[in-house]
């Protein structure tokens, strides 16, 4: 079974990706490689950040004496929420929207988004989750293949539901009346931005 190393220490993302790929791959996170460098996500697009993470982590791994522990691929993910009324914000800053050093707590990011959306009518609360995956094979000249996915929806006026993470309690996907946090992981894994990008990744592996 091929091993995908997710260039993140986010266990939630790893679990979600493993579930969406239906256990066709062994999914690891950088927790497995504690000495891996921190990649500065300074790109102005999701694609730029995803590709940078894939390239830098692959280069680091290729220089390590890992032996049988070497994964087959590095999979970098950059994703976030783009709100129409806010000109695409928080965008690439989604995880650090509330400010401070590094990523902000989900509750703080959600609270800031609700403040920014205060007074915006229902018809103008459209938004989309966006995801770009960047895939690089180890032991080869670094050639990166990208896959993207979008899930349209709208921003609720209050947080609802206890599931998911990030902005899930505020995001109501088109065709539904409940937030991602209420709909549950099974539904989210069928329609999410990441699910759509991963479907393209799975097709890529099936055709190669």
N, C-alpha and C. Protein backbone atom coordinates (compact mmCIF):
# COMPACT_ATOMS: atom_id res chain seq x y z
N UNK A 1 0.85 -1.20 0.00
CA UNK A 1 0.00 0.00 0.00
C UNK A 1 0.89 1.25 0.00
N UNK A 2 0.72 2.16 -0.97
CA UNK A 2 1.56 3.36 -1.00
C UNK A 2 1.38 4.20 0.26
N UNK A 3 2.46 4.86 0.65
CA UNK A 3 2.41 5.73 1.82
C UNK A 3 2.44 7.19 1.38
N UNK A 4 1.46 7.95 1.84
CA UNK A 4 1.40 9.38 1.60
C UNK A 4 1.80 10.09 2.89
N UNK A 5 2.79 10.94 2.80
CA UNK A 5 3.16 11.77 3.94
C UNK A 5 2.53 13.13 3.75
N UNK A 6 1.61 13.47 4.62
CA UNK A 6 0.97 14.77 4.57
C UNK A 6 1.91 15.79 5.21
N UNK A 7 2.22 16.84 4.49
CA UNK A 7 3.19 17.82 5.00
C UNK A 7 2.53 18.75 6.01
N UNK A 8 2.01 18.14 7.04
CA UNK A 8 1.30 18.86 8.10
C UNK A 8 1.35 17.99 9.35
N UNK A 9 1.15 18.62 10.47
CA UNK A 9 1.01 17.88 11.73
C UNK A 9 -0.44 17.85 12.20
N UNK A 10 -1.34 18.21 11.31
CA UNK A 10 -2.76 18.29 11.62
C UNK A 10 -3.41 16.91 11.53
N UNK A 11 -3.69 16.33 12.69
CA UNK A 11 -4.28 14.98 12.73
C UNK A 11 -5.68 14.96 12.11
N UNK A 12 -6.43 16.06 12.26
CA UNK A 12 -7.78 16.12 11.67
C UNK A 12 -7.70 15.95 10.15
N UNK A 13 -6.78 16.66 9.52
CA UNK A 13 -6.65 16.55 8.06
C UNK A 13 -6.25 15.15 7.65
N UNK A 14 -5.32 14.55 8.39
CA UNK A 14 -4.87 13.20 8.05
C UNK A 14 -6.02 12.20 8.14
N UNK A 15 -6.82 12.29 9.18
CA UNK A 15 -7.96 11.39 9.34
C UNK A 15 -8.96 11.59 8.21
N UNK A 16 -9.22 12.84 7.87
CA UNK A 16 -10.18 13.14 6.81
C UNK A 16 -9.69 12.61 5.47
N UNK A 17 -8.41 12.83 5.18
CA UNK A 17 -7.85 12.36 3.91
C UNK A 17 -7.86 10.84 3.83
N UNK A 18 -7.48 10.17 4.91
CA UNK A 18 -7.49 8.71 4.92
C UNK A 18 -8.90 8.17 4.68
N UNK A 19 -9.89 8.81 5.31
CA UNK A 19 -11.27 8.36 5.15
C UNK A 19 -11.77 8.57 3.72
N UNK A 20 -11.44 9.72 3.14
CA UNK A 20 -11.90 10.02 1.79
C UNK A 20 -11.25 9.09 0.77
N UNK A 21 -9.98 8.77 0.98
CA UNK A 21 -9.27 7.86 0.07
C UNK A 21 -9.59 6.40 0.34
N UNK A 22 -10.46 6.16 1.32
CA UNK A 22 -10.98 4.81 1.59
C UNK A 22 -9.86 3.81 1.87
N UNK A 23 -8.88 4.27 2.65
CA UNK A 23 -7.79 3.39 3.11
C UNK A 23 -7.01 2.75 1.96
N UNK A 24 -6.98 3.40 0.81
CA UNK A 24 -6.16 2.90 -0.30
C UNK A 24 -4.70 3.28 -0.14
N UNK A 25 -4.42 4.15 0.83
CA UNK A 25 -3.07 4.61 1.11
C UNK A 25 -2.85 4.63 2.61
N UNK A 26 -1.62 4.46 3.02
CA UNK A 26 -1.25 4.73 4.40
C UNK A 26 -0.93 6.21 4.50
N UNK A 27 -1.64 6.91 5.37
CA UNK A 27 -1.47 8.36 5.49
C UNK A 27 -0.71 8.67 6.77
N UNK A 28 0.43 9.32 6.63
CA UNK A 28 1.22 9.77 7.77
C UNK A 28 1.20 11.29 7.84
N UNK A 29 1.57 11.82 9.01
CA UNK A 29 1.78 13.26 9.15
C UNK A 29 3.22 13.50 9.54
N UNK A 30 3.60 14.75 9.62
CA UNK A 30 4.97 15.10 10.00
C UNK A 30 5.26 14.78 11.46
N UNK A 31 4.27 14.37 12.20
CA UNK A 31 4.53 13.89 13.57
C UNK A 31 5.49 12.69 13.50
N UNK A 32 5.42 11.93 12.41
CA UNK A 32 6.31 10.79 12.20
C UNK A 32 7.76 11.24 12.01
N UNK A 33 7.95 12.46 11.55
CA UNK A 33 9.29 13.00 11.28
C UNK A 33 9.47 14.32 12.03
N UNK A 34 9.69 14.24 13.34
CA UNK A 34 9.73 15.45 14.17
C UNK A 34 10.83 16.44 13.80
N UNK A 35 11.87 15.99 13.07
CA UNK A 35 12.95 16.91 12.69
C UNK A 35 12.68 17.62 11.36
N UNK A 36 11.55 17.34 10.74
CA UNK A 36 11.25 17.98 9.46
C UNK A 36 11.13 19.49 9.66
N UNK A 37 11.60 20.25 8.68
CA UNK A 37 11.57 21.71 8.82
C UNK A 37 10.15 22.27 8.77
N UNK A 38 9.98 23.42 9.41
CA UNK A 38 8.74 24.17 9.29
C UNK A 38 8.80 24.97 7.99
N UNK A 39 7.82 24.81 7.15
CA UNK A 39 7.78 25.53 5.88
C UNK A 39 6.98 26.82 6.08
N UNK A 40 7.59 27.94 5.74
CA UNK A 40 6.91 29.23 5.86
C UNK A 40 5.92 29.37 4.71
N UNK A 41 4.64 29.46 5.05
CA UNK A 41 3.59 29.56 4.03
C UNK A 41 3.39 31.04 3.69
N UNK A 42 4.25 31.56 2.83
CA UNK A 42 4.21 32.97 2.50
C UNK A 42 3.70 33.23 1.09
N UNK A 43 3.13 32.22 0.45
CA UNK A 43 2.55 32.40 -0.88
C UNK A 43 1.25 33.18 -0.81
N UNK A 44 0.87 33.78 -1.93
CA UNK A 44 -0.38 34.55 -1.94
C UNK A 44 -1.53 33.77 -2.55
N UNK A 45 -1.31 32.49 -2.84
CA UNK A 45 -2.38 31.61 -3.31
C UNK A 45 -2.26 30.27 -2.61
N UNK A 46 -3.35 29.52 -2.60
CA UNK A 46 -3.32 28.17 -2.03
C UNK A 46 -2.35 27.30 -2.81
N UNK A 47 -2.34 27.44 -4.13
CA UNK A 47 -1.46 26.61 -4.96
C UNK A 47 0.01 26.88 -4.64
N UNK A 48 0.37 28.15 -4.48
CA UNK A 48 1.76 28.49 -4.19
C UNK A 48 2.21 27.88 -2.87
N UNK A 49 1.36 27.95 -1.86
CA UNK A 49 1.73 27.39 -0.56
C UNK A 49 1.81 25.87 -0.60
N UNK A 50 0.86 25.23 -1.28
CA UNK A 50 0.87 23.77 -1.36
C UNK A 50 2.12 23.27 -2.08
N UNK A 51 2.45 23.89 -3.21
CA UNK A 51 3.62 23.46 -3.97
C UNK A 51 4.90 23.69 -3.16
N UNK A 52 4.99 24.82 -2.49
CA UNK A 52 6.19 25.10 -1.69
C UNK A 52 6.37 24.05 -0.61
N UNK A 53 5.29 23.68 0.07
CA UNK A 53 5.40 22.67 1.13
C UNK A 53 5.82 21.32 0.55
N UNK A 54 5.23 20.94 -0.58
CA UNK A 54 5.58 19.65 -1.19
C UNK A 54 7.05 19.61 -1.59
N UNK A 55 7.54 20.68 -2.21
CA UNK A 55 8.92 20.72 -2.69
C UNK A 55 9.90 20.70 -1.52
N UNK A 56 9.66 21.52 -0.50
CA UNK A 56 10.63 21.62 0.59
C UNK A 56 10.66 20.36 1.45
N UNK A 57 9.51 19.77 1.71
CA UNK A 57 9.50 18.55 2.53
C UNK A 57 10.10 17.39 1.74
N UNK A 58 9.81 17.31 0.44
CA UNK A 58 10.40 16.25 -0.39
C UNK A 58 11.92 16.39 -0.42
N UNK A 59 12.41 17.60 -0.61
CA UNK A 59 13.86 17.82 -0.64
C UNK A 59 14.51 17.40 0.67
N UNK A 60 13.86 17.72 1.78
CA UNK A 60 14.41 17.34 3.09
C UNK A 60 14.44 15.82 3.25
N UNK A 61 13.34 15.16 2.89
CA UNK A 61 13.26 13.71 3.02
C UNK A 61 14.27 13.00 2.14
N UNK A 62 14.48 13.52 0.93
CA UNK A 62 15.44 12.90 0.02
C UNK A 62 16.86 12.95 0.57
N UNK A 63 17.12 13.85 1.49
CA UNK A 63 18.45 13.95 2.09
C UNK A 63 18.61 13.19 3.38
N UNK A 64 17.56 12.46 3.79
CA UNK A 64 17.62 11.73 5.06
C UNK A 64 17.85 10.24 4.83
N UNK A 65 18.62 9.57 5.72
CA UNK A 65 18.84 8.12 5.62
C UNK A 65 17.67 7.34 6.22
N UNK A 66 16.53 7.37 5.55
CA UNK A 66 15.31 6.83 6.14
C UNK A 66 15.12 5.34 5.88
N UNK A 67 15.74 4.79 4.84
CA UNK A 67 15.58 3.37 4.54
C UNK A 67 14.14 3.01 4.26
N UNK A 68 13.69 1.93 4.91
CA UNK A 68 12.33 1.44 4.69
C UNK A 68 11.26 2.37 5.22
N UNK A 69 11.65 3.33 6.06
CA UNK A 69 10.68 4.26 6.61
C UNK A 69 10.32 5.38 5.64
N UNK A 70 10.99 5.41 4.48
CA UNK A 70 10.76 6.49 3.53
C UNK A 70 9.36 6.36 2.90
N UNK A 71 8.55 7.40 2.98
CA UNK A 71 7.24 7.34 2.31
C UNK A 71 7.39 7.36 0.80
N UNK A 72 6.33 7.01 0.11
CA UNK A 72 6.37 7.00 -1.36
C UNK A 72 6.12 8.39 -1.95
N UNK A 73 5.24 9.14 -1.30
CA UNK A 73 4.86 10.45 -1.82
C UNK A 73 4.72 11.45 -0.68
N UNK A 74 4.93 12.71 -1.00
CA UNK A 74 4.57 13.81 -0.11
C UNK A 74 3.32 14.46 -0.68
N UNK A 75 2.34 14.65 0.17
CA UNK A 75 1.10 15.31 -0.22
C UNK A 75 0.93 16.57 0.63
N UNK A 76 1.01 17.70 -0.03
CA UNK A 76 0.85 18.98 0.67
C UNK A 76 -0.54 19.52 0.38
N UNK A 77 -1.15 20.08 1.40
CA UNK A 77 -2.51 20.60 1.31
C UNK A 77 -2.49 22.05 1.76
N UNK A 78 -3.07 22.92 0.96
CA UNK A 78 -3.36 24.26 1.46
C UNK A 78 -4.81 24.55 1.13
N UNK A 79 -5.51 24.97 2.13
CA UNK A 79 -6.95 25.16 1.95
C UNK A 79 -7.43 26.25 2.88
N UNK A 80 -8.61 26.75 2.58
CA UNK A 80 -9.16 27.79 3.43
C UNK A 80 -10.50 28.25 2.93
N UNK A 81 -10.98 29.29 3.55
CA UNK A 81 -12.31 29.84 3.30
C UNK A 81 -12.18 31.19 2.60
N UNK A 82 -12.92 31.37 1.53
CA UNK A 82 -12.95 32.65 0.83
C UNK A 82 -14.39 33.17 0.84
N UNK A 83 -14.59 34.33 1.44
CA UNK A 83 -15.93 34.90 1.60
C UNK A 83 -16.13 36.01 0.58
N UNK A 84 -17.19 35.90 -0.20
CA UNK A 84 -17.44 36.84 -1.29
C UNK A 84 -17.47 38.29 -0.80
N UNK A 85 -18.25 38.56 0.26
CA UNK A 85 -18.45 39.92 0.74
C UNK A 85 -17.19 40.52 1.35
N UNK A 86 -16.20 39.68 1.66
CA UNK A 86 -14.95 40.17 2.24
C UNK A 86 -13.82 40.16 1.22
N UNK A 87 -14.18 40.13 -0.05
CA UNK A 87 -13.16 40.18 -1.09
C UNK A 87 -12.27 38.96 -1.12
N UNK A 88 -12.80 37.80 -0.69
CA UNK A 88 -12.01 36.57 -0.68
C UNK A 88 -11.30 36.28 0.62
N UNK A 89 -11.43 37.16 1.59
CA UNK A 89 -10.85 36.89 2.91
C UNK A 89 -11.67 35.80 3.62
N UNK A 90 -11.06 35.08 4.56
CA UNK A 90 -9.67 35.14 4.99
C UNK A 90 -8.67 34.47 4.05
N UNK A 91 -9.13 33.68 3.09
CA UNK A 91 -8.24 33.12 2.07
C UNK A 91 -7.06 32.36 2.63
N UNK A 92 -5.85 32.67 2.15
CA UNK A 92 -4.67 31.94 2.60
C UNK A 92 -4.35 32.21 4.07
N UNK A 93 -5.02 33.19 4.66
CA UNK A 93 -4.83 33.50 6.08
C UNK A 93 -5.88 32.82 6.95
N UNK A 94 -6.61 31.87 6.41
CA UNK A 94 -7.74 31.28 7.14
C UNK A 94 -7.37 30.76 8.52
N UNK A 95 -6.25 30.05 8.62
CA UNK A 95 -5.87 29.45 9.90
C UNK A 95 -5.33 30.48 10.89
N UNK A 96 -4.91 31.63 10.42
CA UNK A 96 -4.34 32.65 11.29
C UNK A 96 -5.11 33.97 11.21
N UNK A 97 -6.38 33.87 10.88
CA UNK A 97 -7.22 35.04 10.63
C UNK A 97 -7.32 35.95 11.84
N UNK A 98 -7.40 35.37 13.03
CA UNK A 98 -7.58 36.16 14.24
C UNK A 98 -6.30 36.83 14.71
N UNK A 99 -5.18 36.57 14.03
CA UNK A 99 -3.93 37.24 14.36
C UNK A 99 -3.10 36.48 15.36
N UNK A 100 -1.99 37.10 15.76
CA UNK A 100 -1.05 36.45 16.67
C UNK A 100 0.00 35.68 15.91
N UNK A 101 0.88 35.04 16.66
CA UNK A 101 1.94 34.24 16.04
C UNK A 101 1.41 32.86 15.68
N UNK A 102 1.59 32.46 14.44
CA UNK A 102 1.15 31.14 14.02
C UNK A 102 -0.36 31.07 13.88
N UNK A 103 -0.87 29.85 13.85
CA UNK A 103 -2.30 29.64 13.69
C UNK A 103 -3.06 30.07 14.94
N UNK A 104 -4.24 30.64 14.72
CA UNK A 104 -5.09 31.06 15.83
C UNK A 104 -6.08 29.95 16.17
N UNK A 105 -6.61 29.93 17.39
CA UNK A 105 -7.62 28.92 17.74
C UNK A 105 -8.84 29.05 16.84
N UNK A 106 -9.47 27.91 16.56
CA UNK A 106 -10.66 27.92 15.70
C UNK A 106 -11.71 28.88 16.23
N UNK A 107 -11.93 28.89 17.55
CA UNK A 107 -12.97 29.73 18.14
C UNK A 107 -12.69 31.21 17.87
N UNK A 108 -11.42 31.61 17.93
CA UNK A 108 -11.06 33.00 17.68
C UNK A 108 -11.26 33.36 16.22
N UNK A 109 -10.88 32.47 15.32
CA UNK A 109 -11.09 32.73 13.89
C UNK A 109 -12.57 32.84 13.56
N UNK A 110 -13.37 31.95 14.13
CA UNK A 110 -14.81 31.99 13.90
C UNK A 110 -15.42 33.28 14.43
N UNK A 111 -14.98 33.69 15.62
CA UNK A 111 -15.52 34.91 16.22
C UNK A 111 -15.19 36.13 15.37
N UNK A 112 -13.96 36.19 14.84
CA UNK A 112 -13.59 37.33 13.99
C UNK A 112 -14.42 37.33 12.72
N UNK A 113 -14.62 36.17 12.11
CA UNK A 113 -15.40 36.11 10.89
C UNK A 113 -16.83 36.61 11.14
N UNK A 114 -17.42 36.21 12.25
CA UNK A 114 -18.78 36.67 12.56
C UNK A 114 -18.82 38.18 12.75
N UNK A 115 -17.78 38.74 13.36
CA UNK A 115 -17.74 40.20 13.53
C UNK A 115 -17.65 40.89 12.17
N UNK A 116 -16.80 40.37 11.29
CA UNK A 116 -16.63 40.97 9.98
C UNK A 116 -17.90 40.86 9.13
N UNK A 117 -18.68 39.82 9.38
CA UNK A 117 -19.91 39.59 8.60
C UNK A 117 -21.13 40.23 9.23
N UNK A 118 -20.97 40.87 10.35
CA UNK A 118 -22.10 41.49 11.05
C UNK A 118 -22.78 42.52 10.14
N UNK A 119 -24.08 42.40 9.99
CA UNK A 119 -24.84 43.34 9.18
C UNK A 119 -24.93 42.98 7.71
N UNK A 120 -24.23 41.96 7.27
CA UNK A 120 -24.30 41.54 5.86
C UNK A 120 -25.54 40.67 5.67
N UNK A 121 -26.45 41.04 4.75
CA UNK A 121 -27.71 40.30 4.60
C UNK A 121 -27.51 38.89 4.08
N UNK A 122 -28.53 38.07 4.28
CA UNK A 122 -28.45 36.66 3.91
C UNK A 122 -28.07 36.45 2.44
N UNK A 123 -28.59 37.26 1.57
CA UNK A 123 -28.33 37.07 0.15
C UNK A 123 -26.91 37.38 -0.27
N UNK A 124 -26.14 37.99 0.62
CA UNK A 124 -24.76 38.37 0.29
C UNK A 124 -23.73 37.65 1.14
N UNK A 125 -24.10 36.50 1.69
CA UNK A 125 -23.20 35.79 2.59
C UNK A 125 -22.54 34.57 1.93
N UNK A 126 -22.46 34.60 0.61
CA UNK A 126 -21.87 33.49 -0.13
C UNK A 126 -20.38 33.33 0.17
N UNK A 127 -19.91 32.09 0.10
CA UNK A 127 -18.50 31.78 0.40
C UNK A 127 -18.15 30.46 -0.24
N UNK A 128 -16.87 30.16 -0.24
CA UNK A 128 -16.46 28.83 -0.71
C UNK A 128 -15.21 28.37 0.03
N UNK A 129 -15.22 27.10 0.33
CA UNK A 129 -14.00 26.45 0.80
C UNK A 129 -13.20 26.06 -0.44
N UNK A 130 -11.91 26.30 -0.41
CA UNK A 130 -11.02 25.95 -1.52
C UNK A 130 -9.88 25.08 -1.00
N UNK A 131 -9.47 24.14 -1.82
CA UNK A 131 -8.37 23.25 -1.47
C UNK A 131 -7.48 23.04 -2.68
N UNK A 132 -6.18 23.09 -2.48
CA UNK A 132 -5.22 22.68 -3.50
C UNK A 132 -4.30 21.65 -2.87
N UNK A 133 -4.17 20.50 -3.53
CA UNK A 133 -3.25 19.45 -3.12
C UNK A 133 -2.07 19.45 -4.07
N UNK A 134 -0.88 19.28 -3.52
CA UNK A 134 0.34 19.19 -4.34
C UNK A 134 1.00 17.85 -4.01
N UNK A 135 1.25 17.05 -5.03
CA UNK A 135 1.78 15.70 -4.86
C UNK A 135 3.18 15.63 -5.46
N UNK A 136 4.14 15.11 -4.68
CA UNK A 136 5.51 14.92 -5.16
C UNK A 136 5.97 13.52 -4.78
N UNK A 137 6.63 12.83 -5.71
CA UNK A 137 7.17 11.50 -5.44
C UNK A 137 8.59 11.63 -4.91
N UNK A 138 8.92 10.82 -3.92
CA UNK A 138 10.27 10.85 -3.36
C UNK A 138 11.24 10.10 -4.26
N UNK A 139 12.52 10.47 -4.14
CA UNK A 139 13.57 9.77 -4.86
C UNK A 139 13.65 10.11 -6.32
N UNK A 140 12.93 11.14 -6.74
CA UNK A 140 12.95 11.55 -8.14
C UNK A 140 13.18 13.06 -8.21
N UNK A 141 13.48 13.52 -9.39
CA UNK A 141 13.50 14.97 -9.58
C UNK A 141 12.11 15.48 -9.21
N UNK A 142 12.08 16.51 -8.42
CA UNK A 142 10.80 16.93 -7.84
C UNK A 142 9.87 17.49 -8.91
N UNK A 143 8.93 16.67 -9.30
CA UNK A 143 7.86 17.11 -10.21
C UNK A 143 6.58 17.12 -9.41
N UNK A 144 5.94 18.25 -9.34
CA UNK A 144 4.76 18.42 -8.50
C UNK A 144 3.52 18.47 -9.37
N UNK A 145 2.53 17.67 -8.99
CA UNK A 145 1.24 17.67 -9.67
C UNK A 145 0.21 18.24 -8.69
N UNK A 146 -0.65 19.13 -9.16
CA UNK A 146 -1.63 19.74 -8.28
C UNK A 146 -3.05 19.33 -8.64
N UNK A 147 -3.91 19.34 -7.63
CA UNK A 147 -5.32 19.00 -7.78
C UNK A 147 -6.11 19.98 -6.93
N UNK A 148 -7.21 20.51 -7.48
CA UNK A 148 -7.97 21.50 -6.71
C UNK A 148 -9.41 21.08 -6.54
N UNK A 149 -10.06 21.69 -5.55
CA UNK A 149 -11.46 21.42 -5.29
C UNK A 149 -12.10 22.62 -4.61
N UNK A 150 -13.38 22.85 -4.92
CA UNK A 150 -14.13 23.98 -4.35
C UNK A 150 -15.48 23.47 -3.87
N UNK A 151 -15.92 23.98 -2.74
CA UNK A 151 -17.27 23.70 -2.23
C UNK A 151 -17.93 25.03 -1.91
N UNK A 152 -19.00 25.35 -2.65
CA UNK A 152 -19.72 26.61 -2.44
C UNK A 152 -20.73 26.48 -1.30
N UNK A 153 -20.99 27.60 -0.67
CA UNK A 153 -21.97 27.63 0.41
C UNK A 153 -22.18 29.04 0.89
N UNK A 154 -22.57 29.18 2.16
CA UNK A 154 -22.81 30.50 2.74
C UNK A 154 -22.41 30.48 4.21
N UNK A 155 -22.22 31.68 4.75
CA UNK A 155 -21.81 31.83 6.14
C UNK A 155 -23.03 32.05 7.03
N UNK A 156 -23.19 31.19 8.02
CA UNK A 156 -24.30 31.30 8.96
C UNK A 156 -24.09 32.50 9.89
N UNK A 157 -25.13 32.84 10.64
CA UNK A 157 -25.04 33.96 11.57
C UNK A 157 -24.56 33.53 12.96
N UNK A 158 -24.62 32.24 13.23
CA UNK A 158 -24.13 31.71 14.50
C UNK A 158 -23.47 30.36 14.26
N UNK A 159 -22.60 29.97 15.18
CA UNK A 159 -21.97 28.66 15.12
C UNK A 159 -23.00 27.59 15.47
N UNK A 160 -23.01 26.50 14.71
CA UNK A 160 -23.89 25.37 15.02
C UNK A 160 -23.12 24.07 14.81
N UNK A 161 -23.39 23.09 15.68
CA UNK A 161 -22.78 21.77 15.54
C UNK A 161 -21.48 21.66 16.30
N UNK A 162 -21.13 20.43 16.60
CA UNK A 162 -19.93 20.15 17.39
C UNK A 162 -18.87 19.38 16.59
N UNK A 163 -19.19 18.98 15.36
CA UNK A 163 -18.25 18.18 14.58
C UNK A 163 -17.31 19.05 13.77
N UNK A 164 -16.39 18.38 13.08
CA UNK A 164 -15.49 19.08 12.18
C UNK A 164 -14.47 19.94 12.89
N UNK A 165 -13.91 20.89 12.15
CA UNK A 165 -12.90 21.78 12.71
C UNK A 165 -12.86 23.03 11.85
N UNK A 166 -12.04 23.99 12.23
CA UNK A 166 -11.93 25.22 11.46
C UNK A 166 -13.25 25.98 11.41
N UNK A 167 -13.65 26.35 10.21
CA UNK A 167 -14.87 27.14 10.03
C UNK A 167 -16.11 26.27 9.80
N UNK A 168 -16.00 24.98 10.01
CA UNK A 168 -17.13 24.08 9.76
C UNK A 168 -18.42 24.49 10.47
N UNK A 169 -18.37 25.02 11.71
CA UNK A 169 -19.63 25.39 12.38
C UNK A 169 -20.34 26.59 11.74
N UNK A 170 -19.66 27.32 10.87
CA UNK A 170 -20.25 28.52 10.25
C UNK A 170 -20.58 28.32 8.78
N UNK A 171 -20.13 27.24 8.18
CA UNK A 171 -20.26 27.07 6.73
C UNK A 171 -21.42 26.13 6.41
N UNK A 172 -22.40 26.65 5.66
CA UNK A 172 -23.54 25.84 5.23
C UNK A 172 -23.37 25.58 3.73
N UNK A 173 -23.06 24.35 3.35
CA UNK A 173 -22.84 24.07 1.92
C UNK A 173 -24.12 24.18 1.11
N UNK A 174 -23.98 24.60 -0.13
CA UNK A 174 -25.14 24.71 -1.02
C UNK A 174 -25.90 23.37 -1.06
N UNK A 175 -27.23 23.48 -1.05
CA UNK A 175 -28.07 22.29 -1.09
C UNK A 175 -28.38 21.73 0.28
N UNK A 176 -27.86 22.36 1.33
CA UNK A 176 -28.09 21.90 2.70
C UNK A 176 -28.53 23.07 3.57
N UNK A 177 -29.17 22.74 4.68
CA UNK A 177 -29.62 23.78 5.61
C UNK A 177 -28.86 23.73 6.93
N UNK A 178 -27.92 22.80 7.04
CA UNK A 178 -27.12 22.67 8.26
C UNK A 178 -25.64 22.87 7.94
N UNK A 179 -24.89 23.25 8.96
CA UNK A 179 -23.46 23.49 8.77
C UNK A 179 -22.71 22.18 8.61
N UNK A 180 -21.46 22.29 8.11
CA UNK A 180 -20.60 21.12 8.02
C UNK A 180 -20.47 20.45 9.39
N UNK A 181 -20.42 21.24 10.45
CA UNK A 181 -20.24 20.68 11.79
C UNK A 181 -21.47 19.90 12.24
N UNK A 182 -22.63 20.20 11.68
CA UNK A 182 -23.85 19.46 11.99
C UNK A 182 -24.04 18.26 11.07
N UNK A 183 -23.65 18.40 9.82
CA UNK A 183 -23.89 17.34 8.83
C UNK A 183 -23.11 16.08 9.13
N UNK A 184 -21.96 16.23 9.77
CA UNK A 184 -21.17 15.05 10.12
C UNK A 184 -20.12 14.73 9.08
N UNK A 185 -19.15 13.92 9.50
CA UNK A 185 -17.99 13.64 8.67
C UNK A 185 -18.33 12.88 7.40
N UNK A 186 -19.29 11.96 7.47
CA UNK A 186 -19.61 11.15 6.29
C UNK A 186 -20.11 12.02 5.15
N UNK A 187 -21.02 12.95 5.47
CA UNK A 187 -21.55 13.84 4.44
C UNK A 187 -20.47 14.79 3.95
N UNK A 188 -19.73 15.36 4.89
CA UNK A 188 -18.66 16.29 4.52
C UNK A 188 -17.66 15.61 3.58
N UNK A 189 -17.32 14.36 3.85
CA UNK A 189 -16.32 13.67 3.05
C UNK A 189 -16.81 13.33 1.64
N UNK A 190 -18.09 13.54 1.38
CA UNK A 190 -18.62 13.33 0.03
C UNK A 190 -18.63 14.61 -0.79
N UNK A 191 -18.78 15.77 -0.12
CA UNK A 191 -19.03 17.00 -0.86
C UNK A 191 -18.00 18.10 -0.62
N UNK A 192 -17.07 17.90 0.29
CA UNK A 192 -16.16 18.99 0.66
C UNK A 192 -15.18 19.33 -0.45
N UNK A 193 -14.57 20.49 -0.33
CA UNK A 193 -13.51 20.93 -1.23
C UNK A 193 -12.36 19.94 -1.25
N UNK A 194 -12.00 19.41 -0.08
CA UNK A 194 -10.89 18.46 0.00
C UNK A 194 -11.28 17.13 -0.66
N UNK A 195 -12.54 16.71 -0.47
CA UNK A 195 -13.01 15.48 -1.11
C UNK A 195 -12.92 15.59 -2.63
N UNK A 196 -13.26 16.75 -3.16
CA UNK A 196 -13.24 16.93 -4.61
C UNK A 196 -11.81 16.94 -5.14
N UNK A 197 -10.90 17.56 -4.39
CA UNK A 197 -9.50 17.53 -4.81
C UNK A 197 -8.93 16.12 -4.70
N UNK A 198 -9.29 15.41 -3.65
CA UNK A 198 -8.80 14.05 -3.46
C UNK A 198 -9.36 13.09 -4.51
N UNK A 199 -10.57 13.34 -4.98
CA UNK A 199 -11.13 12.51 -6.05
C UNK A 199 -10.26 12.63 -7.31
N UNK A 200 -9.77 13.84 -7.58
CA UNK A 200 -8.88 14.03 -8.73
C UNK A 200 -7.54 13.34 -8.48
N UNK A 201 -7.07 13.37 -7.23
CA UNK A 201 -5.83 12.66 -6.89
C UNK A 201 -5.99 11.17 -7.10
N UNK A 202 -7.11 10.60 -6.65
CA UNK A 202 -7.35 9.18 -6.82
C UNK A 202 -7.42 8.80 -8.30
N UNK A 203 -8.05 9.65 -9.10
CA UNK A 203 -8.11 9.40 -10.55
C UNK A 203 -6.71 9.42 -11.16
N UNK A 204 -5.87 10.32 -10.65
CA UNK A 204 -4.49 10.40 -11.14
C UNK A 204 -3.74 9.09 -10.89
N UNK A 205 -3.89 8.56 -9.69
CA UNK A 205 -3.21 7.30 -9.37
C UNK A 205 -3.79 6.15 -10.19
N UNK A 206 -5.09 6.18 -10.43
CA UNK A 206 -5.73 5.09 -11.16
C UNK A 206 -5.29 5.06 -12.62
N UNK A 207 -4.91 6.22 -13.16
CA UNK A 207 -4.57 6.29 -14.58
C UNK A 207 -3.05 6.24 -14.82
N UNK A 208 -2.27 6.08 -13.74
CA UNK A 208 -0.82 6.05 -13.89
C UNK A 208 -0.24 4.74 -13.32
